[in-house]
């Protein structure tokens, strides 16, 4: 990000936009998977299993057991891949960009333009 702010590199901005769009696409897909997972759990819990025969009741029991321990898509095994994670990453990147801009402004005001 510092290179984008201190130099003229048009391809860098295109790369940054591409990375940001991919981040949000994956985060939106992760949120959709979570929502579909929650909907499936809701539907499994609402099955009237007492109207089913014994074989079907065992299948519903198996689905209930599997629905209770669902795995979420993780980013590096640390954070869930969801829109909230994308917003946290965006917030961090914007804070770092702000720090870089303050640093560049401080350097330009103090007369150290040759370092930029």
PDB file of N, CA and C in Angstrom:
ATOM      1  N   UNK A   1       0.826  -1.175   0.000  1.00  0.00           N
ATOM      2  CA  UNK A   1       0.000   0.000   0.000  1.00  0.00           C
ATOM      3  C   UNK A   1       0.874   1.244   0.000  1.00  0.00           C
ATOM      4  N   UNK A   2       1.987   1.178   0.702  1.00  0.00           N
ATOM      5  CA  UNK A   2       2.882   2.327   0.754  1.00  0.00           C
ATOM      6  C   UNK A   2       3.425   2.664  -0.631  1.00  0.00           C
ATOM      7  N   UNK A   3       3.728   1.642  -1.419  1.00  0.00           N
ATOM      8  CA  UNK A   3       4.228   1.862  -2.781  1.00  0.00           C
ATOM      9  C   UNK A   3       3.165   2.546  -3.630  1.00  0.00           C
ATOM     10  N   UNK A   4       1.903   2.149  -3.459  1.00  0.00           N
ATOM     11  CA  UNK A   4       0.829   2.781  -4.225  1.00  0.00           C
ATOM     12  C   UNK A   4       0.672   4.247  -3.868  1.00  0.00           C
ATOM     13  N   UNK A   5       0.909   4.592  -2.604  1.00  0.00           N
ATOM     14  CA  UNK A   5       0.721   5.967  -2.166  1.00  0.00           C
ATOM     15  C   UNK A   5       1.902   6.875  -2.494  1.00  0.00           C
ATOM     16  N   UNK A   6       3.089   6.298  -2.668  1.00  0.00           N
ATOM     17  CA  UNK A   6       4.280   7.135  -2.868  1.00  0.00           C
ATOM     18  C   UNK A   6       4.824   7.114  -4.288  1.00  0.00           C
ATOM     19  N   UNK A   7       4.284   6.287  -5.150  1.00  0.00           N
ATOM     20  CA  UNK A   7       4.822   6.236  -6.507  1.00  0.00           C
ATOM     21  C   UNK A   7       3.687   6.203  -7.516  1.00  0.00           C
ATOM     22  N   UNK A   8       4.068   6.278  -8.769  1.00  0.00           N
ATOM     23  CA  UNK A   8       3.091   6.213  -9.846  1.00  0.00           C
ATOM     24  C   UNK A   8       3.156   4.801 -10.419  1.00  0.00           C
ATOM     25  N   UNK A   9       2.177   4.014 -10.067  1.00  0.00           N
ATOM     26  CA  UNK A   9       2.120   2.632 -10.527  1.00  0.00           C
ATOM     27  C   UNK A   9       0.658   2.305 -10.816  1.00  0.00           C
ATOM     28  N   UNK A  10       0.194   2.580 -12.038  1.00  0.00           N
ATOM     29  CA  UNK A  10      -1.223   2.385 -12.356  1.00  0.00           C
ATOM     30  C   UNK A  10      -1.673   0.932 -12.225  1.00  0.00           C
ATOM     31  N   UNK A  11      -0.798   0.010 -12.496  1.00  0.00           N
ATOM     32  CA  UNK A  11      -1.164  -1.398 -12.360  1.00  0.00           C
ATOM     33  C   UNK A  11      -1.411  -1.796 -10.919  1.00  0.00           C
ATOM     34  N   UNK A  12      -0.794  -1.084  -9.991  1.00  0.00           N
ATOM     35  CA  UNK A  12      -0.980  -1.379  -8.574  1.00  0.00           C
ATOM     36  C   UNK A  12      -2.393  -1.102  -8.109  1.00  0.00           C
ATOM     37  N   UNK A  13      -2.978  -0.013  -8.612  1.00  0.00           N
ATOM     38  CA  UNK A  13      -4.349   0.296  -8.230  1.00  0.00           C
ATOM     39  C   UNK A  13      -5.315  -0.741  -8.790  1.00  0.00           C
ATOM     40  N   UNK A  14      -5.080  -1.200 -10.002  1.00  0.00           N
ATOM     41  CA  UNK A  14      -5.923  -2.249 -10.577  1.00  0.00           C
ATOM     42  C   UNK A  14      -5.795  -3.534  -9.768  1.00  0.00           C
ATOM     43  N   UNK A  15      -4.575  -3.848  -9.348  1.00  0.00           N
ATOM     44  CA  UNK A  15      -4.343  -5.040  -8.521  1.00  0.00           C
ATOM     45  C   UNK A  15      -5.066  -4.910  -7.179  1.00  0.00           C
ATOM     46  N   UNK A  16      -4.988  -3.727  -6.559  1.00  0.00           N
ATOM     47  CA  UNK A  16      -5.641  -3.509  -5.267  1.00  0.00           C
ATOM     48  C   UNK A  16      -7.155  -3.640  -5.388  1.00  0.00           C
ATOM     49  N   UNK A  17      -7.715  -3.115  -6.472  1.00  0.00           N
ATOM     50  CA  UNK A  17      -9.158  -3.230  -6.694  1.00  0.00           C
ATOM     51  C   UNK A  17      -9.542  -4.693  -6.923  1.00  0.00           C
ATOM     52  N   UNK A  18      -8.715  -5.428  -7.665  1.00  0.00           N
ATOM     53  CA  UNK A  18      -8.981  -6.841  -7.894  1.00  0.00           C
ATOM     54  C   UNK A  18      -8.922  -7.661  -6.615  1.00  0.00           C
ATOM     55  N   UNK A  19      -7.949  -7.376  -5.776  1.00  0.00           N
ATOM     56  CA  UNK A  19      -7.828  -8.095  -4.503  1.00  0.00           C
ATOM     57  C   UNK A  19      -9.024  -7.794  -3.604  1.00  0.00           C
ATOM     58  N   UNK A  20      -9.420  -6.526  -3.551  1.00  0.00           N
ATOM     59  CA  UNK A  20     -10.554  -6.150  -2.711  1.00  0.00           C
ATOM     60  C   UNK A  20     -11.846  -6.807  -3.204  1.00  0.00           C
ATOM     61  N   UNK A  21     -12.043  -6.828  -4.515  1.00  0.00           N
ATOM     62  CA  UNK A  21     -13.268  -7.448  -5.030  1.00  0.00           C
ATOM     63  C   UNK A  21     -13.269  -8.954  -4.777  1.00  0.00           C
ATOM     64  N   UNK A  22     -12.133  -9.617  -4.931  1.00  0.00           N
ATOM     65  CA  UNK A  22     -12.064 -11.049  -4.629  1.00  0.00           C
ATOM     66  C   UNK A  22     -12.316 -11.319  -3.154  1.00  0.00           C
ATOM     67  N   UNK A  23     -11.791 -10.464  -2.286  1.00  0.00           N
ATOM     68  CA  UNK A  23     -12.019 -10.624  -0.848  1.00  0.00           C
ATOM     69  C   UNK A  23     -13.512 -10.597  -0.546  1.00  0.00           C
ATOM     70  N   UNK A  24     -14.214  -9.609  -1.116  1.00  0.00           N
ATOM     71  CA  UNK A  24     -15.635  -9.507  -0.821  1.00  0.00           C
ATOM     72  C   UNK A  24     -16.452 -10.601  -1.481  1.00  0.00           C
ATOM     73  N   UNK A  25     -16.044 -11.056  -2.645  1.00  0.00           N
ATOM     74  CA  UNK A  25     -16.763 -12.165  -3.285  1.00  0.00           C
ATOM     75  C   UNK A  25     -16.670 -13.413  -2.414  1.00  0.00           C
ATOM     76  N   UNK A  26     -15.465 -13.748  -1.946  1.00  0.00           N
ATOM     77  CA  UNK A  26     -15.313 -14.930  -1.099  1.00  0.00           C
ATOM     78  C   UNK A  26     -16.030 -14.767   0.227  1.00  0.00           C
ATOM     79  N   UNK A  27     -16.003 -13.572   0.793  1.00  0.00           N
ATOM     80  CA  UNK A  27     -16.692 -13.339   2.065  1.00  0.00           C
ATOM     81  C   UNK A  27     -18.200 -13.444   1.906  1.00  0.00           C
ATOM     82  N   UNK A  28     -18.728 -12.943   0.801  1.00  0.00           N
ATOM     83  CA  UNK A  28     -20.166 -13.058   0.560  1.00  0.00           C
ATOM     84  C   UNK A  28     -20.544 -14.523   0.357  1.00  0.00           C
ATOM     85  N   UNK A  29     -19.725 -15.266  -0.358  1.00  0.00           N
ATOM     86  CA  UNK A  29     -20.008 -16.695  -0.536  1.00  0.00           C
ATOM     87  C   UNK A  29     -19.954 -17.441   0.796  1.00  0.00           C
ATOM     88  N   UNK A  30     -19.010 -17.096   1.651  1.00  0.00           N
ATOM     89  CA  UNK A  30     -18.934 -17.712   2.975  1.00  0.00           C
ATOM     90  C   UNK A  30     -20.168 -17.416   3.804  1.00  0.00           C
ATOM     91  N   UNK A  31     -20.680 -16.191   3.714  1.00  0.00           N
ATOM     92  CA  UNK A  31     -21.897 -15.837   4.432  1.00  0.00           C
ATOM     93  C   UNK A  31     -23.097 -16.596   3.875  1.00  0.00           C
ATOM     94  N   UNK A  32     -23.143 -16.759   2.557  1.00  0.00           N
ATOM     95  CA  UNK A  32     -24.234 -17.538   1.963  1.00  0.00           C
ATOM     96  C   UNK A  32     -24.199 -18.985   2.435  1.00  0.00           C
ATOM     97  N   UNK A  33     -23.020 -19.568   2.527  1.00  0.00           N
ATOM     98  CA  UNK A  33     -22.899 -20.944   3.029  1.00  0.00           C
ATOM     99  C   UNK A  33     -23.392 -21.022   4.466  1.00  0.00           C
ATOM    100  N   UNK A  34     -23.025 -20.045   5.306  1.00  0.00           N
ATOM    101  CA  UNK A  34     -23.494 -20.028   6.690  1.00  0.00           C
ATOM    102  C   UNK A  34     -25.013 -19.925   6.754  1.00  0.00           C
ATOM    103  N   UNK A  35     -25.594 -19.044   5.951  1.00  0.00           N
ATOM    104  CA  UNK A  35     -27.049 -18.871   5.966  1.00  0.00           C
ATOM    105  C   UNK A  35     -27.770 -20.121   5.481  1.00  0.00           C
ATOM    106  N   UNK A  36     -27.266 -20.746   4.427  1.00  0.00           N
ATOM    107  CA  UNK A  36     -27.873 -21.990   3.946  1.00  0.00           C
ATOM    108  C   UNK A  36     -27.742 -23.098   4.978  1.00  0.00           C
ATOM    109  N   UNK A  37     -26.620 -23.131   5.671  1.00  0.00           N
ATOM    110  CA  UNK A  37     -26.409 -24.105   6.730  1.00  0.00           C
ATOM    111  C   UNK A  37     -27.425 -23.912   7.846  1.00  0.00           C
ATOM    112  N   UNK A  38     -27.654 -22.660   8.236  1.00  0.00           N
ATOM    113  CA  UNK A  38     -28.644 -22.366   9.275  1.00  0.00           C
ATOM    114  C   UNK A  38     -30.056 -22.736   8.818  1.00  0.00           C
ATOM    115  N   UNK A  39     -30.365 -22.478   7.553  1.00  0.00           N
ATOM    116  CA  UNK A  39     -31.682 -22.839   7.021  1.00  0.00           C
ATOM    117  C   UNK A  39     -31.880 -24.353   7.022  1.00  0.00           C
ATOM    118  N   UNK A  40     -30.833 -25.086   6.670  1.00  0.00           N
ATOM    119  CA  UNK A  40     -30.918 -26.544   6.666  1.00  0.00           C
ATOM    120  C   UNK A  40     -31.145 -27.065   8.081  1.00  0.00           C
ATOM    121  N   UNK A  41     -30.433 -26.516   9.034  1.00  0.00           N
ATOM    122  CA  UNK A  41     -30.618 -26.939  10.430  1.00  0.00           C
ATOM    123  C   UNK A  41     -32.048 -26.665  10.876  1.00  0.00           C
ATOM    124  N   UNK A  42     -32.575 -25.496  10.539  1.00  0.00           N
ATOM    125  CA  UNK A  42     -33.947 -25.145  10.899  1.00  0.00           C
ATOM    126  C   UNK A  42     -34.935 -26.141  10.301  1.00  0.00           C
ATOM    127  N   UNK A  43     -34.751 -26.485   9.032  1.00  0.00           N
ATOM    128  CA  UNK A  43     -35.672 -27.415   8.373  1.00  0.00           C
ATOM    129  C   UNK A  43     -35.567 -28.820   8.949  1.00  0.00           C
ATOM    130  N   UNK A  44     -34.363 -29.256   9.294  1.00  0.00           N
ATOM    131  CA  UNK A  44     -34.200 -30.591   9.877  1.00  0.00           C
ATOM    132  C   UNK A  44     -34.894 -30.661  11.234  1.00  0.00           C
ATOM    133  N   UNK A  45     -34.781 -29.610  12.029  1.00  0.00           N
ATOM    134  CA  UNK A  45     -35.433 -29.594  13.334  1.00  0.00           C
ATOM    135  C   UNK A  45     -36.952 -29.546  13.223  1.00  0.00           C
ATOM    136  N   UNK A  46     -37.481 -29.081  12.111  1.00  0.00           N
ATOM    137  CA  UNK A  46     -38.927 -28.975  11.946  1.00  0.00           C
ATOM    138  C   UNK A  46     -39.564 -30.181  11.264  1.00  0.00           C
ATOM    139  N   UNK A  47     -38.804 -31.239  11.045  1.00  0.00           N
ATOM    140  CA  UNK A  47     -39.381 -32.451  10.449  1.00  0.00           C
ATOM    141  C   UNK A  47     -40.246 -33.135  11.502  1.00  0.00           C
ATOM    142  N   UNK A  48     -41.440 -33.508  11.114  1.00  0.00           N
ATOM    143  CA  UNK A  48     -42.319 -34.253  12.036  1.00  0.00           C
ATOM    144  C   UNK A  48     -41.963 -35.737  11.940  1.00  0.00           C
ATOM    145  N   UNK A  49     -40.927 -36.102  12.700  1.00  0.00           N
ATOM    146  CA  UNK A  49     -40.372 -37.449  12.601  1.00  0.00           C
ATOM    147  C   UNK A  49     -41.329 -38.518  13.125  1.00  0.00           C
ATOM    148  N   UNK A  50     -42.284 -38.147  13.947  1.00  0.00           N
ATOM    149  CA  UNK A  50     -43.215 -39.129  14.521  1.00  0.00           C
ATOM    150  C   UNK A  50     -44.182 -39.672  13.472  1.00  0.00           C
ATOM    151  N   UNK A  51     -44.277 -39.006  12.311  1.00  0.00           N
ATOM    152  CA  UNK A  51     -45.129 -39.511  11.227  1.00  0.00           C
ATOM    153  C   UNK A  51     -44.359 -40.411  10.263  1.00  0.00           C
ATOM    154  N   UNK A  52     -43.098 -40.625  10.504  1.00  0.00           N
ATOM    155  CA  UNK A  52     -42.258 -41.408   9.595  1.00  0.00           C
ATOM    156  C   UNK A  52     -42.125 -42.834  10.101  1.00  0.00           C
ATOM    157  N   UNK A  53     -41.700 -43.737   9.189  1.00  0.00           N
ATOM    158  CA  UNK A  53     -41.441 -45.109   9.629  1.00  0.00           C
ATOM    159  C   UNK A  53     -40.067 -45.180  10.290  1.00  0.00           C
ATOM    160  N   UNK A  54     -39.697 -46.319  10.821  1.00  0.00           N
ATOM    161  CA  UNK A  54     -38.478 -46.470  11.627  1.00  0.00           C
ATOM    162  C   UNK A  54     -37.217 -46.169  10.817  1.00  0.00           C
ATOM    163  N   UNK A  55     -37.160 -46.615   9.581  1.00  0.00           N
ATOM    164  CA  UNK A  55     -35.966 -46.362   8.744  1.00  0.00           C
ATOM    165  C   UNK A  55     -35.790 -44.867   8.501  1.00  0.00           C
ATOM    166  N   UNK A  56     -36.865 -44.177   8.198  1.00  0.00           N
ATOM    167  CA  UNK A  56     -36.795 -42.745   7.956  1.00  0.00           C
ATOM    168  C   UNK A  56     -36.475 -41.983   9.245  1.00  0.00           C
ATOM    169  N   UNK A  57     -36.967 -42.465  10.384  1.00  0.00           N
ATOM    170  CA  UNK A  57     -36.648 -41.829  11.657  1.00  0.00           C
ATOM    171  C   UNK A  57     -35.152 -41.920  11.964  1.00  0.00           C
ATOM    172  N   UNK A  58     -34.534 -43.065  11.624  1.00  0.00           N
ATOM    173  CA  UNK A  58     -33.078 -43.200  11.817  1.00  0.00           C
ATOM    174  C   UNK A  58     -32.319 -42.220  10.927  1.00  0.00           C
ATOM    175  N   UNK A  59     -32.808 -42.016   9.702  1.00  0.00           N
ATOM    176  CA  UNK A  59     -32.169 -41.056   8.805  1.00  0.00           C
ATOM    177  C   UNK A  59     -32.301 -39.628   9.345  1.00  0.00           C
ATOM    178  N   UNK A  60     -33.453 -39.300   9.907  1.00  0.00           N
ATOM    179  CA  UNK A  60     -33.647 -37.978  10.497  1.00  0.00           C
ATOM    180  C   UNK A  60     -32.742 -37.826  11.719  1.00  0.00           C
ATOM    181  N   UNK A  61     -32.607 -38.871  12.520  1.00  0.00           N
ATOM    182  CA  UNK A  61     -31.701 -38.835  13.670  1.00  0.00           C
ATOM    183  C   UNK A  61     -30.265 -38.589  13.227  1.00  0.00           C
ATOM    184  N   UNK A  62     -29.853 -39.248  12.149  1.00  0.00           N
ATOM    185  CA  UNK A  62     -28.512 -39.028  11.607  1.00  0.00           C
ATOM    186  C   UNK A  62     -28.350 -37.579  11.152  1.00  0.00           C
ATOM    187  N   UNK A  63     -29.368 -37.032  10.468  1.00  0.00           N
ATOM    188  CA  UNK A  63     -29.300 -35.637  10.022  1.00  0.00           C
ATOM    189  C   UNK A  63     -29.249 -34.683  11.210  1.00  0.00           C
ATOM    190  N   UNK A  64     -29.997 -34.980  12.268  1.00  0.00           N
ATOM    191  CA  UNK A  64     -29.961 -34.142  13.466  1.00  0.00           C
ATOM    192  C   UNK A  64     -28.572 -34.140  14.100  1.00  0.00           C
ATOM    193  N   UNK A  65     -27.956 -35.308  14.162  1.00  0.00           N
ATOM    194  CA  UNK A  65     -26.599 -35.392  14.738  1.00  0.00           C
ATOM    195  C   UNK A  65     -25.606 -34.606  13.901  1.00  0.00           C
ATOM    196  N   UNK A  66     -25.703 -34.724  12.594  1.00  0.00           N
ATOM    197  CA  UNK A  66     -24.779 -34.002  11.713  1.00  0.00           C
ATOM    198  C   UNK A  66     -25.048 -32.497  11.721  1.00  0.00           C
ATOM    199  N   UNK A  67     -26.288 -32.104  11.872  1.00  0.00           N
ATOM    200  CA  UNK A  67     -26.642 -30.688  11.832  1.00  0.00           C
ATOM    201  C   UNK A  67     -26.174 -29.950  13.087  1.00  0.00           C
ATOM    202  N   UNK A  68     -25.955 -30.663  14.174  1.00  0.00           N
ATOM    203  CA  UNK A  68     -25.552 -30.012  15.412  1.00  0.00           C
ATOM    204  C   UNK A  68     -24.096 -29.585  15.411  1.00  0.00           C
ATOM    205  N   UNK A  69     -23.268 -30.236  14.632  1.00  0.00           N
ATOM    206  CA  UNK A  69     -21.844 -29.879  14.598  1.00  0.00           C
ATOM    207  C   UNK A  69     -21.428 -29.568  13.164  1.00  0.00           C
ATOM    208  N   UNK A  70     -21.739 -28.363  12.729  1.00  0.00           N
ATOM    209  CA  UNK A  70     -21.399 -27.966  11.369  1.00  0.00           C
ATOM    210  C   UNK A  70     -20.043 -27.272  11.351  1.00  0.00           C
ATOM    211  N   UNK A  71     -19.337 -27.433  10.279  1.00  0.00           N
ATOM    212  CA  UNK A  71     -18.044 -26.780  10.099  1.00  0.00           C
ATOM    213  C   UNK A  71     -18.232 -25.552   9.220  1.00  0.00           C
ATOM    214  N   UNK A  72     -17.641 -24.453   9.649  1.00  0.00           N
ATOM    215  CA  UNK A  72     -17.694 -23.225   8.867  1.00  0.00           C
ATOM    216  C   UNK A  72     -16.414 -23.098   8.046  1.00  0.00           C
ATOM    217  N   UNK A  73     -16.494 -22.390   6.954  1.00  0.00           N
ATOM    218  CA  UNK A  73     -15.315 -22.129   6.141  1.00  0.00           C
ATOM    219  C   UNK A  73     -14.437 -21.155   6.924  1.00  0.00           C
ATOM    220  N   UNK A  74     -13.167 -21.495   7.072  1.00  0.00           N
ATOM    221  CA  UNK A  74     -12.253 -20.690   7.873  1.00  0.00           C
ATOM    222  C   UNK A  74     -11.181 -20.044   7.000  1.00  0.00           C
ATOM    223  N   UNK A  75     -10.726 -18.868   7.418  1.00  0.00           N
ATOM    224  CA  UNK A  75      -9.600 -18.193   6.775  1.00  0.00           C
ATOM    225  C   UNK A  75      -8.365 -18.577   7.568  1.00  0.00           C
ATOM    226  N   UNK A  76      -7.480 -19.348   6.964  1.00  0.00           N
ATOM    227  CA  UNK A  76      -6.261 -19.830   7.600  1.00  0.00           C
ATOM    228  C   UNK A  76      -6.547 -20.576   8.895  1.00  0.00           C
ATOM    229  N   UNK A  77      -7.739 -21.128   9.030  1.00  0.00           N
ATOM    230  CA  UNK A  77      -8.103 -21.867  10.227  1.00  0.00           C
ATOM    231  C   UNK A  77      -8.284 -21.004  11.454  1.00  0.00           C
ATOM    232  N   UNK A  78      -8.405 -19.685  11.283  1.00  0.00           N
ATOM    233  CA  UNK A  78      -8.473 -18.777  12.417  1.00  0.00           C
ATOM    234  C   UNK A  78      -9.826 -18.076  12.504  1.00  0.00           C
ATOM    235  N   UNK A  79     -10.261 -17.488  11.399  1.00  0.00           N
ATOM    236  CA  UNK A  79     -11.471 -16.669  11.402  1.00  0.00           C
ATOM    237  C   UNK A  79     -12.475 -17.245  10.413  1.00  0.00           C
ATOM    238  N   UNK A  80     -13.764 -17.101  10.704  1.00  0.00           N
ATOM    239  CA  UNK A  80     -14.757 -17.574   9.738  1.00  0.00           C
ATOM    240  C   UNK A  80     -14.755 -16.693   8.485  1.00  0.00           C
ATOM    241  N   UNK A  81     -14.938 -17.320   7.355  1.00  0.00           N
ATOM    242  CA  UNK A  81     -14.992 -16.569   6.097  1.00  0.00           C
ATOM    243  C   UNK A  81     -16.402 -16.029   5.940  1.00  0.00           C
ATOM    244  N   UNK A  82     -16.581 -14.769   6.330  1.00  0.00           N
ATOM    245  CA  UNK A  82     -17.889 -14.135   6.276  1.00  0.00           C
ATOM    246  C   UNK A  82     -17.694 -12.646   5.994  1.00  0.00           C
ATOM    247  N   UNK A  83     -18.796 -11.968   5.770  1.00  0.00           N
ATOM    248  CA  UNK A  83     -18.735 -10.538   5.471  1.00  0.00           C
ATOM    249  C   UNK A  83     -18.137  -9.777   6.655  1.00  0.00           C
ATOM    250  N   UNK A  84     -18.427 -10.212   7.875  1.00  0.00           N
ATOM    251  CA  UNK A  84     -17.855  -9.531   9.043  1.00  0.00           C
ATOM    252  C   UNK A  84     -16.331  -9.611   9.037  1.00  0.00           C
ATOM    253  N   UNK A  85     -15.781 -10.723   8.604  1.00  0.00           N
ATOM    254  CA  UNK A  85     -14.326 -10.847   8.492  1.00  0.00           C
ATOM    255  C   UNK A  85     -13.787  -9.916   7.413  1.00  0.00           C
ATOM    256  N   UNK A  86     -14.489  -9.833   6.283  1.00  0.00           N
ATOM    257  CA  UNK A  86     -14.076  -8.922   5.217  1.00  0.00           C
ATOM    258  C   UNK A  86     -14.081  -7.478   5.686  1.00  0.00           C
ATOM    259  N   UNK A  87     -15.074  -7.122   6.497  1.00  0.00           N
ATOM    260  CA  UNK A  87     -15.132  -5.759   7.022  1.00  0.00           C
ATOM    261  C   UNK A  87     -13.981  -5.494   7.996  1.00  0.00           C
ATOM    262  N   UNK A  88     -13.626  -6.494   8.797  1.00  0.00           N
ATOM    263  CA  UNK A  88     -12.488  -6.331   9.712  1.00  0.00           C
ATOM    264  C   UNK A  88     -11.194  -6.120   8.940  1.00  0.00           C
ATOM    265  N   UNK A  89     -11.003  -6.906   7.880  1.00  0.00           N
ATOM    266  CA  UNK A  89      -9.804  -6.761   7.052  1.00  0.00           C
ATOM    267  C   UNK A  89      -9.789  -5.393   6.377  1.00  0.00           C
ATOM    268  N   UNK A  90     -10.931  -4.971   5.847  1.00  0.00           N
ATOM    269  CA  UNK A  90     -11.010  -3.655   5.203  1.00  0.00           C
ATOM    270  C   UNK A  90     -10.723  -2.538   6.195  1.00  0.00           C
ATOM    271  N   UNK A  91     -11.236  -2.658   7.400  1.00  0.00           N
ATOM    272  CA  UNK A  91     -11.000  -1.655   8.432  1.00  0.00           C
ATOM    273  C   UNK A  91      -9.505  -1.572   8.751  1.00  0.00           C
ATOM    274  N   UNK A  92      -8.850  -2.727   8.864  1.00  0.00           N
ATOM    275  CA  UNK A  92      -7.416  -2.749   9.144  1.00  0.00           C
ATOM    276  C   UNK A  92      -6.629  -2.112   7.995  1.00  0.00           C
ATOM    277  N   UNK A  93      -6.969  -2.431   6.764  1.00  0.00           N
ATOM    278  CA  UNK A  93      -6.258  -1.876   5.608  1.00  0.00           C
ATOM    279  C   UNK A  93      -6.451  -0.362   5.537  1.00  0.00           C
ATOM    280  N   UNK A  94      -7.669   0.105   5.798  1.00  0.00           N
ATOM    281  CA  UNK A  94      -7.915   1.548   5.776  1.00  0.00           C
ATOM    282  C   UNK A  94      -7.161   2.256   6.895  1.00  0.00           C
ATOM    283  N   UNK A  95      -7.070   1.643   8.067  1.00  0.00           N
ATOM    284  CA  UNK A  95      -6.281   2.239   9.148  1.00  0.00           C
ATOM    285  C   UNK A  95      -4.802   2.321   8.780  1.00  0.00           C
ATOM    286  N   UNK A  96      -4.282   1.267   8.168  1.00  0.00           N
ATOM    287  CA  UNK A  96      -2.878   1.280   7.752  1.00  0.00           C
ATOM    288  C   UNK A  96      -2.641   2.324   6.669  1.00  0.00           C
ATOM    289  N   UNK A  97      -3.579   2.450   5.749  1.00  0.00           N
ATOM    290  CA  UNK A  97      -3.463   3.465   4.707  1.00  0.00           C
ATOM    291  C   UNK A  97      -3.463   4.862   5.313  1.00  0.00           C
ATOM    292  N   UNK A  98      -4.321   5.086   6.295  1.00  0.00           N
ATOM    293  CA  UNK A  98      -4.362   6.371   6.970  1.00  0.00           C
ATOM    294  C   UNK A  98      -3.032   6.661   7.667  1.00  0.00           C
ATOM    295  N   UNK A  99      -2.451   5.656   8.312  1.00  0.00           N
ATOM    296  CA  UNK A  99      -1.143   5.843   8.950  1.00  0.00           C
ATOM    297  C   UNK A  99      -0.069   6.182   7.923  1.00  0.00           C
ATOM    298  N   UNK A 100      -0.108   5.525   6.771  1.00  0.00           N
ATOM    299  CA  UNK A 100       0.862   5.822   5.718  1.00  0.00           C
ATOM    300  C   UNK A 100       0.680   7.249   5.202  1.00  0.00           C
ATOM    301  N   UNK A 101      -0.552   7.673   5.031  1.00  0.00           N
ATOM    302  CA  UNK A 101      -0.797   9.036   4.560  1.00  0.00           C
ATOM    303  C   UNK A 101      -0.324  10.074   5.572  1.00  0.00           C
ATOM    304  N   UNK A 102      -0.532   9.815   6.850  1.00  0.00           N
ATOM    305  CA  UNK A 102      -0.040  10.728   7.885  1.00  0.00           C
ATOM    306  C   UNK A 102       1.483  10.772   7.865  1.00  0.00           C
ATOM    307  N   UNK A 103       2.107   9.609   7.691  1.00  0.00           N
ATOM    308  CA  UNK A 103       3.564   9.543   7.625  1.00  0.00           C
ATOM    309  C   UNK A 103       4.089  10.321   6.426  1.00  0.00           C
ATOM    310  N   UNK A 104       3.460  10.148   5.273  1.00  0.00           N
ATOM    311  CA  UNK A 104       3.887  10.863   4.061  1.00  0.00           C
ATOM    312  C   UNK A 104       3.693  12.364   4.241  1.00  0.00           C
ATOM    313  N   UNK A 105       2.571  12.757   4.831  1.00  0.00           N
ATOM    314  CA  UNK A 105       2.306  14.178   5.069  1.00  0.00           C
ATOM    315  C   UNK A 105       3.319  14.767   6.040  1.00  0.00           C
ATOM    316  N   UNK A 106       3.685  14.019   7.073  1.00  0.00           N
ATOM    317  CA  UNK A 106       4.679  14.486   8.039  1.00  0.00           C
ATOM    318  C   UNK A 106       6.035  14.658   7.379  1.00  0.00           C
ATOM    319  N   UNK A 107       6.404  13.713   6.524  1.00  0.00           N
ATOM    320  CA  UNK A 107       7.684  13.826   5.817  1.00  0.00           C
ATOM    321  C   UNK A 107       7.697  15.019   4.873  1.00  0.00           C
ATOM    322  N   UNK A 108       6.592  15.250   4.173  1.00  0.00           N
ATOM    323  CA  UNK A 108       6.577  16.353   3.219  1.00  0.00           C
ATOM    324  C   UNK A 108       6.567  17.709   3.933  1.00  0.00           C
ATOM    325  N   UNK A 109       5.948  17.795   5.100  1.00  0.00           N
ATOM    326  CA  UNK A 109       5.933  19.050   5.848  1.00  0.00           C
ATOM    327  C   UNK A 109       7.268  19.348   6.505  1.00  0.00           C
ATOM    328  N   UNK A 110       8.024  18.330   6.858  1.00  0.00           N
ATOM    329  CA  UNK A 110       9.296  18.546   7.524  1.00  0.00           C
ATOM    330  C   UNK A 110      10.440  18.790   6.537  1.00  0.00           C
ATOM    331  N   UNK A 111      10.146  18.758   5.251  1.00  0.00           N
ATOM    332  CA  UNK A 111      11.165  19.057   4.243  1.00  0.00           C
ATOM    333  C   UNK A 111      11.977  17.851   3.797  1.00  0.00           C
ATOM    334  N   UNK A 112      11.537  16.661   4.086  1.00  0.00           N
ATOM    335  CA  UNK A 112      12.250  15.459   3.669  1.00  0.00           C
ATOM    336  C   UNK A 112      11.596  14.844   2.433  1.00  0.00           C
ATOM    337  N   UNK A 113      11.360  15.636   1.433  1.00  0.00           N
ATOM    338  CA  UNK A 113      10.713  15.159   0.213  1.00  0.00           C
ATOM    339  C   UNK A 113      11.616  14.234  -0.597  1.00  0.00           C
ATOM    340  N   UNK A 114      12.915  14.312  -0.359  1.00  0.00           N
ATOM    341  CA  UNK A 114      13.808  13.469  -1.143  1.00  0.00           C
ATOM    342  C   UNK A 114      13.685  12.000  -0.740  1.00  0.00           C
ATOM    343  N   UNK A 115      13.122  11.727   0.420  1.00  0.00           N
ATOM    344  CA  UNK A 115      12.934  10.327   0.843  1.00  0.00           C
ATOM    345  C   UNK A 115      11.734   9.693   0.169  1.00  0.00           C
ATOM    346  N   UNK A 116      10.832  10.514  -0.334  1.00  0.00           N
ATOM    347  CA  UNK A 116       9.661   9.985  -1.016  1.00  0.00           C
ATOM    348  C   UNK A 116      10.029   9.722  -2.430  1.00  0.00           C
TER     349      UNK A 116
END
